[in-house]
Amino acid sequence: MVIRSQFALRFFAPLLCILLLLLTACSASPVGSGGQSTPTAVPGTSTPAASTATPAQTVAMPQTQTACPAANAARAAVMRPLVLGNHANLVYIYNEVPQNTSTAYGHLRRYDTTTSQKIDIATSGVQILQAQVSNDGQWVLFLSQPGGAAVVMLQLVRMDGQGLQTLLCLPYSGSGGAPLSSPAISFQWSVDQQSILLSDDTLDATTNKATSTISLLNVATGTLKTLFQDQADDLYTYSMVTWLDNTHAYIVKQGTEGPTPPETVFLLNTATATVAQPGLVTILTSPTRFSNNSLDSSFDGTQLYSSYCLQAASPFTTNIQAGPAMGGTRHTIFQEQPADCIQMVRAISPTTLLLMVVVSNSTGGSTQTWTMSLPGGAMHTLATLTSAVPGGSDQSYALNQTSQYPWSNVSRDGGTYALQEIDSTAQTQSILAASLNGGAPTSVATTNPGTSTVSLAGWTTM
């Protein structure tokens, strides 16, 4: 399933950012998974959603706090500017679980594509999850699970490794005591970097039902406000997909167990939503059993692209649709061949979608990356990641699964995209990078065989 709290997400109209030699990672803001590294505009306006101006100088970070704030309270972020460089850097998570030990370490790393140097930005807890790079490229926001503590910490660190700080702690108890089990907690950081949406499923030990809560954290003040809470429904859970603009976000309602009920995507207005009156607007609904659903908004924030593939069908049923970003009639812009299943869609420029596709035939299947020109234009194959072999492949691939901004998947200069690979036979995971002009990807990082994991955070420049 592609749509999840990690759906991936997201913003709009970039203005090309090229500032002579000092170019910092100008950031893009389309509310979706793709896009160029340029500022985003609020729908219906030409006003950038966030400032991406190059800071005059780097300011040293003051003392910050990594301990949890008080229960049910959050802490304001402490942020000072950082002057970025001009080398493309890919930021990723490496959760290290050394073989034959009971220890684990969560590392946040960046890879310089010019020098091939790898630098640890932060090491925190037994694992780091869902790291997201900020619009201006200066910060990384992530979840950290400390060893021996039944909490998950929402932490922030500057790209140079300074200022590690904990903004919020949420209670969490891993399933079966597993140190690297994933908590039912997720977040999305807005493009203007002022707001963080958080979703949390809390299990009631008495009723054995989970309550989904969505809250809004004000980054500057540390104020935490609950926007939505379901009625302890044990069939469904609610989580974030991505921001559309600085006050609207997509959330998804999906089943907790299979075969799952239909999956529904809503638009939430964070400026007006309350628990009593959340005001959810239905955007689209699709079945979920044996299917892949993915969505992303256009760069100007006016359109929402969605892909749907029913894997249970033989042959596949798959298509891409477009419609108003805030709801309305949707229409098909591409109907794929029956043997092809589009699993993920990301808008990476105003005129281009990046797709993750599984192609099947009588001898097996292969995973490929494609681009699609907009609106509803030609497809172009970038890379075949696995060859078609009898019985299928042992490798699975994905674009960034927890953040859909352009810079979450594509370098700030628009030339390179990143992938995640899981090899179930070798028991390894890898981060790969490839040119948007086409060609086979190259390995950035690969774990040792075992339970170590890697995942994408996004791109900056250093």
Protein backbone atom coordinates (compact mmCIF):
# COMPACT_ATOMS: atom_id res chain seq x y z
CA MET A 1 0.00 0.00 0.00
CA VAL A 2 1.44 3.32 -0.99
CA ILE A 3 -0.94 5.71 0.76
CA ARG A 4 -0.14 5.72 4.44
CA SER A 5 1.10 8.05 7.08
CA GLN A 6 4.18 7.67 5.04
CA PHE A 7 2.58 8.44 1.79
CA ALA A 8 4.13 9.88 0.87
CA LEU A 9 3.71 14.07 -0.05
CA ARG A 10 3.56 18.26 -1.86
CA PHE A 11 3.59 21.73 -2.77
CA PHE A 12 3.62 24.10 -5.62
CA ALA A 13 4.85 26.49 -8.02
CA PRO A 14 8.56 26.82 -7.88
CA LEU A 15 10.24 29.99 -9.12
CA LEU A 16 13.72 28.77 -10.17
CA CYS A 17 16.31 29.55 -7.50
CA ILE A 18 19.74 30.21 -8.88
CA LEU A 19 21.84 32.62 -6.90
CA LEU A 20 25.26 32.91 -8.49
CA LEU A 21 27.97 30.91 -6.78
CA LEU A 22 26.34 30.95 -3.36
CA LEU A 23 23.45 28.84 -4.50
CA THR A 24 21.95 27.18 -1.50
CA ALA A 25 19.47 24.43 -1.90
CA CYS A 26 16.67 26.63 -3.05
CA SER A 27 13.64 24.73 -2.04
CA ALA A 28 10.66 23.66 -3.92
CA SER A 29 7.22 23.52 -2.59
CA PRO A 30 4.82 21.52 -4.56
CA VAL A 31 2.61 19.60 -2.22
CA GLY A 32 3.35 16.20 -3.45
CA SER A 33 6.15 13.97 -4.04
CA GLY A 34 7.90 15.66 -6.80
CA GLY A 35 9.18 18.93 -7.99
CA GLN A 36 12.15 21.12 -8.62
CA SER A 37 14.07 22.88 -5.94
CA THR A 38 12.37 26.25 -6.14
CA PRO A 39 10.06 28.27 -3.88
CA THR A 40 6.40 27.38 -3.89
CA ALA A 41 3.42 29.56 -4.43
CA VAL A 42 0.15 29.44 -2.55
CA PRO A 43 -2.68 28.29 -4.86
CA GLY A 44 -4.24 31.17 -6.71
CA THR A 45 -1.42 33.57 -5.93
CA SER A 46 2.10 34.26 -7.08
CA THR A 47 3.41 34.75 -3.55
CA PRO A 48 6.13 32.32 -2.47
CA ALA A 49 4.97 30.12 0.40
CA ALA A 50 8.34 30.24 2.10
CA SER A 51 11.45 32.35 1.90
CA THR A 52 14.43 30.56 0.41
CA ALA A 53 16.79 33.55 0.43
CA THR A 54 20.42 32.72 1.11
CA PRO A 55 21.32 33.73 4.69
CA ALA A 56 24.08 36.33 4.95
CA GLN A 57 26.09 34.15 7.32
CA THR A 58 25.90 31.02 9.45
CA VAL A 59 24.93 31.68 13.06
CA ALA A 60 26.16 29.28 15.75
CA MET A 61 23.43 27.33 17.50
CA PRO A 62 22.83 28.11 21.19
CA GLN A 63 22.42 25.36 23.78
CA THR A 64 19.43 23.13 22.96
CA GLN A 65 17.54 20.48 24.93
CA THR A 66 17.32 16.82 23.93
CA ALA A 67 15.37 15.61 26.97
CA CYS A 68 11.62 15.20 26.61
CA PRO A 69 9.48 18.22 27.49
CA ALA A 70 6.68 17.80 30.02
CA ALA A 71 3.99 15.23 29.24
CA ASN A 72 1.34 16.47 26.78
CA ALA A 73 3.46 19.54 26.06
CA ALA A 74 5.77 20.57 23.22
CA ARG A 75 8.82 22.78 22.93
CA ALA A 76 9.42 25.67 20.49
CA ALA A 77 12.15 25.01 17.93
CA VAL A 78 15.45 26.86 18.28
CA MET A 79 16.62 27.71 14.75
CA ARG A 80 19.56 29.76 13.47
CA PRO A 81 20.49 30.21 9.78
CA LEU A 82 23.05 28.06 7.97
CA VAL A 83 24.81 29.06 4.75
CA LEU A 84 24.66 26.08 2.40
CA GLY A 85 27.16 25.07 -0.25
CA ASN A 86 26.71 24.04 -3.90
CA HIS A 87 27.34 20.27 -3.77
CA ALA A 88 24.22 18.11 -4.06
CA ASN A 89 23.81 16.11 -0.84
CA LEU A 90 21.42 13.21 -0.30
CA VAL A 91 20.21 12.82 3.29
CA TYR A 92 19.19 9.37 4.51
CA ILE A 93 18.66 7.25 7.62
CA TYR A 94 20.91 4.33 8.49
CA ASN A 95 19.62 2.27 11.41
CA GLU A 96 22.55 0.11 12.37
CA VAL A 97 21.99 -3.24 14.07
CA PRO A 98 25.39 -4.92 14.41
CA GLN A 99 25.33 -8.68 13.95
CA ASN A 100 25.45 -10.93 17.02
CA THR A 101 24.73 -8.06 19.40
CA SER A 102 21.71 -6.67 21.20
CA THR A 103 22.59 -3.06 20.42
CA ALA A 104 21.22 -0.71 17.75
CA TYR A 105 22.02 2.84 16.64
CA GLY A 106 20.04 5.36 14.64
CA HIS A 107 22.17 7.48 12.29
CA LEU A 108 21.14 10.44 10.14
CA ARG A 109 23.64 10.82 7.29
CA ARG A 110 24.26 12.87 4.19
CA TYR A 111 26.12 11.83 1.06
CA ASP A 112 27.99 14.42 -1.01
CA THR A 113 27.49 13.45 -4.66
CA THR A 114 30.56 15.47 -5.72
CA THR A 115 33.10 14.09 -3.23
CA SER A 116 31.33 10.79 -2.32
CA GLN A 117 31.92 11.72 1.33
CA LYS A 118 29.47 10.48 3.98
CA ILE A 119 28.92 12.56 7.09
CA ASP A 120 26.83 11.75 10.17
CA ILE A 121 24.51 14.65 10.94
CA ALA A 122 23.16 13.05 14.11
CA THR A 123 23.10 9.76 15.99
CA SER A 124 20.07 9.29 18.24
CA GLY A 125 18.44 6.33 19.95
CA VAL A 126 18.15 2.79 18.68
CA GLN A 127 16.47 3.94 15.48
CA ILE A 128 15.55 7.06 13.53
CA LEU A 129 12.33 7.17 11.50
CA GLN A 130 10.57 9.36 8.92
CA ALA A 131 13.27 12.00 8.51
CA GLN A 132 12.21 15.00 6.41
CA VAL A 133 14.43 17.76 4.96
CA SER A 134 13.10 21.31 5.31
CA ASN A 135 12.09 23.52 2.40
CA ASP A 136 15.17 25.73 2.85
CA GLY A 137 17.46 22.67 3.03
CA GLN A 138 18.95 23.75 6.38
CA TRP A 139 17.13 21.37 8.75
CA VAL A 140 16.09 17.75 9.24
CA LEU A 141 13.05 16.77 11.32
CA PHE A 142 12.72 13.15 12.42
CA LEU A 143 11.40 10.64 14.94
CA SER A 144 13.84 8.91 17.27
CA GLN A 145 13.22 5.90 19.48
CA PRO A 146 15.48 5.94 22.55
CA GLY A 147 16.64 2.65 23.93
CA GLY A 148 14.75 1.39 26.98
CA ALA A 149 12.19 4.22 26.92
CA ALA A 150 8.55 3.73 25.92
CA VAL A 151 8.45 7.00 23.99
CA VAL A 152 9.08 8.32 20.49
CA MET A 153 10.83 11.70 20.28
CA LEU A 154 10.18 14.29 17.57
CA GLN A 155 13.63 15.82 17.04
CA LEU A 156 15.18 18.56 14.93
CA VAL A 157 18.80 19.07 13.88
CA ARG A 158 20.56 21.54 11.59
CA MET A 159 22.18 20.14 8.46
CA ASP A 160 25.69 20.74 9.84
CA GLY A 161 24.89 18.59 12.89
CA GLN A 162 24.41 21.48 15.31
CA GLY A 163 21.39 22.07 17.52
CA LEU A 164 19.96 18.59 18.05
CA GLN A 165 16.76 19.19 20.04
CA THR A 166 13.60 17.37 21.11
CA LEU A 167 10.33 19.16 20.37
CA LEU A 168 7.83 16.58 21.60
CA CYS A 169 7.64 13.08 23.09
CA LEU A 170 4.79 10.66 22.49
CA PRO A 171 4.19 7.44 24.41
CA TYR A 172 4.96 4.25 22.55
CA SER A 173 5.36 0.59 23.39
CA GLY A 174 6.90 -1.60 20.69
CA SER A 175 5.06 -4.74 19.65
CA GLY A 176 6.45 -7.76 21.42
CA GLY A 177 9.29 -5.68 22.78
CA ALA A 178 10.92 -5.50 19.33
CA PRO A 179 13.52 -2.70 19.43
CA LEU A 180 12.97 -1.66 15.81
CA SER A 181 9.22 -2.05 15.43
CA SER A 182 7.53 0.96 13.82
CA PRO A 183 5.29 3.14 16.00
CA ALA A 184 1.84 4.20 14.81
CA ILE A 185 3.05 7.81 14.82
CA SER A 186 3.79 10.00 11.83
CA PHE A 187 4.24 13.67 10.93
CA GLN A 188 4.42 16.11 8.01
CA TRP A 189 6.30 19.45 8.03
CA SER A 190 4.72 22.34 6.12
CA VAL A 191 6.61 24.12 3.35
CA ASP A 192 6.74 27.42 5.25
CA GLN A 193 8.33 25.40 8.10
CA GLN A 194 5.89 26.92 10.61
CA SER A 195 3.63 23.93 11.23
CA ILE A 196 3.99 20.20 11.90
CA LEU A 197 1.02 17.85 11.57
CA LEU A 198 1.21 14.74 13.73
CA SER A 199 -0.95 11.62 13.76
CA ASP A 200 -0.93 9.08 16.57
CA ASP A 201 -2.88 5.87 17.11
CA THR A 202 -3.39 5.17 20.82
CA LEU A 203 -4.56 1.71 21.85
CA ASP A 204 -7.06 1.47 24.69
CA ALA A 205 -5.98 -1.53 26.77
CA THR A 206 -9.55 -2.02 28.05
CA THR A 207 -11.46 -1.95 24.75
CA ASN A 208 -8.50 -2.98 22.56
CA LYS A 209 -9.51 -0.24 20.13
CA ALA A 210 -7.20 2.43 18.76
CA THR A 211 -8.05 6.14 18.65
CA SER A 212 -6.50 8.18 15.83
CA THR A 213 -5.55 11.72 16.80
CA ILE A 214 -4.25 14.45 14.47
CA SER A 215 -2.58 17.47 16.07
CA LEU A 216 -0.90 20.65 14.87
CA LEU A 217 2.40 21.83 16.38
CA ASN A 218 3.38 25.48 15.97
CA VAL A 219 7.15 25.38 15.40
CA ALA A 220 7.81 28.92 16.66
CA THR A 221 5.76 28.75 19.87
CA GLY A 222 5.61 25.05 20.72
CA THR A 223 1.81 25.27 20.94
CA LEU A 224 0.10 21.92 20.36
CA LYS A 225 -3.53 21.82 19.19
CA THR A 226 -5.72 18.78 18.54
CA LEU A 227 -7.57 19.08 15.21
CA PHE A 228 -9.18 15.68 14.80
CA GLN A 229 -9.97 12.56 16.82
CA ASP A 230 -11.95 9.54 15.67
CA GLN A 231 -14.28 7.49 17.80
CA ALA A 232 -12.01 4.57 18.73
CA ASP A 233 -12.92 2.73 15.52
CA ASP A 234 -11.03 -0.56 15.40
CA LEU A 235 -11.59 -0.92 11.62
CA TYR A 236 -9.96 2.33 10.49
CA THR A 237 -7.00 4.54 11.16
CA TYR A 238 -6.33 8.15 10.05
CA SER A 239 -2.93 9.49 9.08
CA MET A 240 -1.31 12.25 7.01
CA VAL A 241 -0.47 12.06 3.34
CA THR A 242 0.98 15.50 2.61
CA TRP A 243 0.41 19.25 2.79
CA LEU A 244 -1.32 21.00 -0.11
CA ASP A 245 -0.44 24.50 1.10
CA ASN A 246 0.43 26.04 4.44
CA THR A 247 -3.09 25.58 5.85
CA HIS A 248 -4.48 22.57 3.96
CA ALA A 249 -3.32 18.98 4.15
CA TYR A 250 -4.43 15.59 2.83
CA ILE A 251 -5.19 12.88 5.35
CA VAL A 252 -6.17 9.28 4.63
CA LYS A 253 -8.66 6.96 6.30
CA GLN A 254 -7.76 3.33 5.75
CA GLY A 255 -8.47 -0.07 7.21
CA THR A 256 -6.32 -1.51 9.96
CA GLU A 257 -6.53 -5.12 8.80
CA GLY A 258 -7.05 -6.98 5.52
CA PRO A 259 -9.17 -7.37 3.58
CA THR A 260 -9.52 -3.66 4.23
CA PRO A 261 -12.53 -1.42 3.59
CA PRO A 262 -12.32 1.36 0.99
CA GLU A 263 -9.62 3.97 1.47
CA THR A 264 -10.67 7.64 1.56
CA VAL A 265 -8.52 10.76 1.17
CA PHE A 266 -9.78 13.94 2.82
CA LEU A 267 -8.65 17.58 2.76
CA LEU A 268 -8.18 19.10 6.22
CA ASN A 269 -8.15 22.87 6.81
CA THR A 270 -5.72 23.26 9.71
CA ALA A 271 -6.74 26.90 10.26
CA THR A 272 -10.36 26.06 11.07
CA ALA A 273 -10.48 22.37 12.09
CA THR A 274 -11.48 21.44 15.65
CA VAL A 275 -12.25 18.08 17.24
CA ALA A 276 -15.94 19.02 17.32
CA GLN A 277 -15.95 20.36 13.74
CA PRO A 278 -13.03 18.89 11.73
CA GLY A 279 -14.65 19.88 8.42
CA LEU A 280 -13.11 17.06 6.37
CA VAL A 281 -13.70 17.35 2.61
CA THR A 282 -13.75 14.05 0.69
CA ILE A 283 -11.32 14.17 -2.23
CA LEU A 284 -11.30 10.59 -3.51
CA THR A 285 -12.14 7.02 -2.46
CA SER A 286 -10.63 3.80 -3.75
CA PRO A 287 -10.60 0.11 -2.78
CA THR A 288 -7.49 -1.10 -1.01
CA ARG A 289 -7.29 -4.88 -1.14
CA PHE A 290 -4.30 -5.93 -3.24
CA SER A 291 -4.04 -2.44 -4.70
CA ASN A 292 -1.59 0.45 -4.89
CA ASN A 293 -2.82 4.02 -4.44
CA SER A 294 -0.65 7.11 -4.71
CA LEU A 295 -1.27 10.83 -5.12
CA ASP A 296 0.56 14.11 -5.50
CA SER A 297 -0.39 17.72 -6.22
CA SER A 298 0.75 19.86 -9.11
CA PHE A 299 3.37 22.56 -8.69
CA ASP A 300 0.84 25.38 -8.73
CA GLY A 301 -1.34 23.55 -6.18
CA THR A 302 -4.42 23.54 -8.41
CA GLN A 303 -4.43 19.89 -9.53
CA LEU A 304 -4.23 16.59 -7.70
CA TYR A 305 -2.79 13.60 -9.58
CA SER A 306 -3.66 10.10 -8.38
CA SER A 307 -2.71 6.64 -9.56
CA TYR A 308 -4.55 3.42 -8.83
CA CYS A 309 -3.52 -0.14 -9.61
CA LEU A 310 -5.59 -3.18 -8.68
CA GLN A 311 -3.03 -5.92 -8.27
CA ALA A 312 -5.72 -8.55 -7.71
CA ALA A 313 -6.92 -8.08 -11.28
CA SER A 314 -5.52 -10.27 -14.03
CA PRO A 315 -4.34 -8.43 -16.02
CA PHE A 316 -3.74 -5.31 -13.91
CA THR A 317 -6.19 -2.41 -13.88
CA THR A 318 -4.18 0.80 -13.64
CA ASN A 319 -4.63 4.48 -14.50
CA ILE A 320 -3.66 8.03 -13.57
CA GLN A 321 -6.33 10.66 -12.91
CA ALA A 322 -6.30 14.43 -12.39
CA GLY A 323 -8.78 16.77 -10.78
CA PRO A 324 -9.08 19.94 -8.66
CA ALA A 325 -6.76 19.81 -5.66
CA MET A 326 -9.54 20.85 -3.28
CA GLY A 327 -12.12 18.44 -4.61
CA GLY A 328 -14.25 18.05 -7.73
CA THR A 329 -14.66 15.97 -10.83
CA ARG A 330 -11.67 13.80 -11.71
CA HIS A 331 -10.74 12.50 -15.17
CA THR A 332 -8.32 9.92 -16.51
CA ILE A 333 -5.18 11.35 -18.12
CA PHE A 334 -3.43 8.03 -18.70
CA GLN A 335 -4.60 4.42 -19.01
CA GLU A 336 -1.66 2.02 -18.76
CA GLN A 337 -1.13 -1.27 -20.51
CA PRO A 338 -2.73 -4.21 -18.63
CA ALA A 339 0.67 -5.68 -17.76
CA ASP A 340 1.89 -2.50 -16.02
CA CYS A 341 1.10 -1.48 -12.44
CA ILE A 342 1.92 2.10 -11.42
CA GLN A 343 2.76 1.94 -7.73
CA MET A 344 3.93 5.47 -6.91
CA VAL A 345 3.46 8.85 -8.58
CA ARG A 346 5.42 12.01 -7.76
CA ALA A 347 5.27 15.44 -9.42
CA ILE A 348 8.92 16.43 -9.92
CA SER A 349 8.46 19.50 -12.15
CA PRO A 350 5.54 21.56 -13.46
CA THR A 351 5.48 19.32 -16.55
CA THR A 352 6.75 15.95 -15.31
CA LEU A 353 5.64 13.04 -13.11
CA LEU A 354 8.08 10.45 -11.79
CA LEU A 355 6.59 6.95 -11.60
CA MET A 356 7.52 3.65 -9.96
CA VAL A 357 6.10 0.85 -12.13
CA VAL A 358 5.93 -2.95 -11.98
CA VAL A 359 5.84 -4.53 -15.43
CA SER A 360 4.66 -8.16 -15.62
CA ASN A 361 4.72 -10.77 -18.35
CA SER A 362 4.54 -14.53 -18.71
CA THR A 363 8.11 -15.02 -17.48
CA GLY A 364 7.97 -12.82 -14.39
CA GLY A 365 8.14 -9.14 -13.61
CA SER A 366 10.47 -6.16 -13.50
CA THR A 367 10.42 -2.87 -11.61
CA GLN A 368 11.05 0.27 -13.64
CA THR A 369 11.17 4.05 -13.17
CA TRP A 370 9.36 6.19 -15.74
CA THR A 371 8.70 9.85 -16.35
CA MET A 372 5.43 11.13 -17.77
CA SER A 373 5.06 14.51 -19.43
CA LEU A 374 2.05 16.61 -18.45
CA PRO A 375 -0.73 16.97 -19.19
CA GLY A 376 -1.24 13.30 -20.04
CA GLY A 377 1.68 13.02 -22.41
CA ALA A 378 4.32 10.50 -23.36
CA MET A 379 5.99 7.98 -21.06
CA HIS A 380 9.76 7.53 -20.95
CA THR A 381 11.57 4.66 -19.24
CA LEU A 382 14.47 5.86 -17.07
CA ALA A 383 15.75 2.57 -15.66
CA THR A 384 14.86 -1.11 -15.34
CA LEU A 385 15.70 -1.93 -11.75
CA THR A 386 15.08 -5.68 -11.83
CA SER A 387 15.01 -8.06 -14.77
CA ALA A 388 12.00 -10.20 -15.56
CA VAL A 389 12.72 -13.61 -14.07
CA PRO A 390 10.51 -16.65 -13.41
CA GLY A 391 8.79 -16.34 -10.07
CA GLY A 392 9.45 -12.60 -9.82
CA SER A 393 12.27 -10.65 -8.20
CA ASP A 394 13.67 -10.68 -4.66
CA GLN A 395 14.22 -6.91 -4.81
CA SER A 396 11.55 -4.32 -4.09
CA TYR A 397 11.90 -0.58 -4.71
CA ALA A 398 10.27 2.64 -3.59
CA LEU A 399 10.62 6.38 -3.84
CA ASN A 400 10.62 8.36 -0.59
CA GLN A 401 7.78 6.85 1.43
CA THR A 402 7.46 9.45 4.19
CA SER A 403 7.79 12.78 2.36
CA GLN A 404 6.61 13.80 -1.10
CA TYR A 405 8.13 17.23 -1.56
CA PRO A 406 10.21 17.68 -4.72
CA TRP A 407 13.44 17.81 -2.72
CA SER A 408 12.41 14.61 -0.91
CA ASN A 409 12.96 12.63 -4.12
CA VAL A 410 14.92 14.80 -6.57
CA SER A 411 18.11 16.83 -6.13
CA ARG A 412 17.78 20.60 -5.89
CA ASP A 413 19.21 21.05 -9.40
CA GLY A 414 16.60 18.67 -10.80
CA GLY A 415 19.14 16.23 -12.23
CA THR A 416 19.11 13.19 -9.91
CA TYR A 417 16.47 11.10 -8.15
CA ALA A 418 16.85 8.66 -5.25
CA LEU A 419 15.40 5.21 -4.51
CA GLN A 420 15.18 2.71 -1.69
CA GLU A 421 15.83 -0.99 -2.33
CA ILE A 422 15.11 -4.04 -0.17
CA ASP A 423 16.72 -7.36 -1.14
CA SER A 424 14.81 -10.05 0.73
CA THR A 425 17.22 -12.84 -0.23
CA ALA A 426 20.44 -11.06 0.72
CA GLN A 427 18.68 -9.44 3.71
CA THR A 428 20.12 -6.06 2.79
CA GLN A 429 18.71 -2.61 2.13
CA SER A 430 20.20 0.08 -0.11
CA ILE A 431 19.92 3.76 -1.04
CA LEU A 432 20.36 4.33 -4.78
CA ALA A 433 20.70 7.46 -6.94
CA ALA A 434 20.10 7.77 -10.69
CA SER A 435 20.05 10.44 -13.40
CA LEU A 436 16.75 11.85 -14.61
CA ASN A 437 18.26 11.64 -18.08
CA GLY A 438 18.11 7.85 -17.75
CA GLY A 439 20.54 5.08 -16.90
CA ALA A 440 21.13 2.50 -14.18
CA PRO A 441 21.23 3.74 -10.58
CA THR A 442 24.37 3.69 -8.46
CA SER A 443 24.59 2.59 -4.82
CA VAL A 444 24.96 5.29 -2.17
CA ALA A 445 24.69 3.02 0.89
CA THR A 446 23.99 -0.67 1.59
CA THR A 447 23.46 -2.34 4.95
CA ASN A 448 25.21 -5.47 6.11
CA PRO A 449 23.04 -8.62 5.93
CA GLY A 450 20.64 -8.72 8.86
CA THR A 451 18.10 -6.31 10.32
CA SER A 452 19.78 -2.94 9.67
CA THR A 453 17.67 -0.56 7.59
CA VAL A 454 18.08 2.52 5.40
CA SER A 455 15.48 5.04 4.19
CA LEU A 456 15.35 8.34 2.35
CA ALA A 457 15.04 11.78 3.95
CA GLY A 458 15.65 14.18 1.03
CA TRP A 459 18.11 16.44 -0.80
CA THR A 460 20.00 19.58 0.13
CA THR A 461 23.26 21.26 -0.91
CA MET A 462 26.38 21.56 1.25
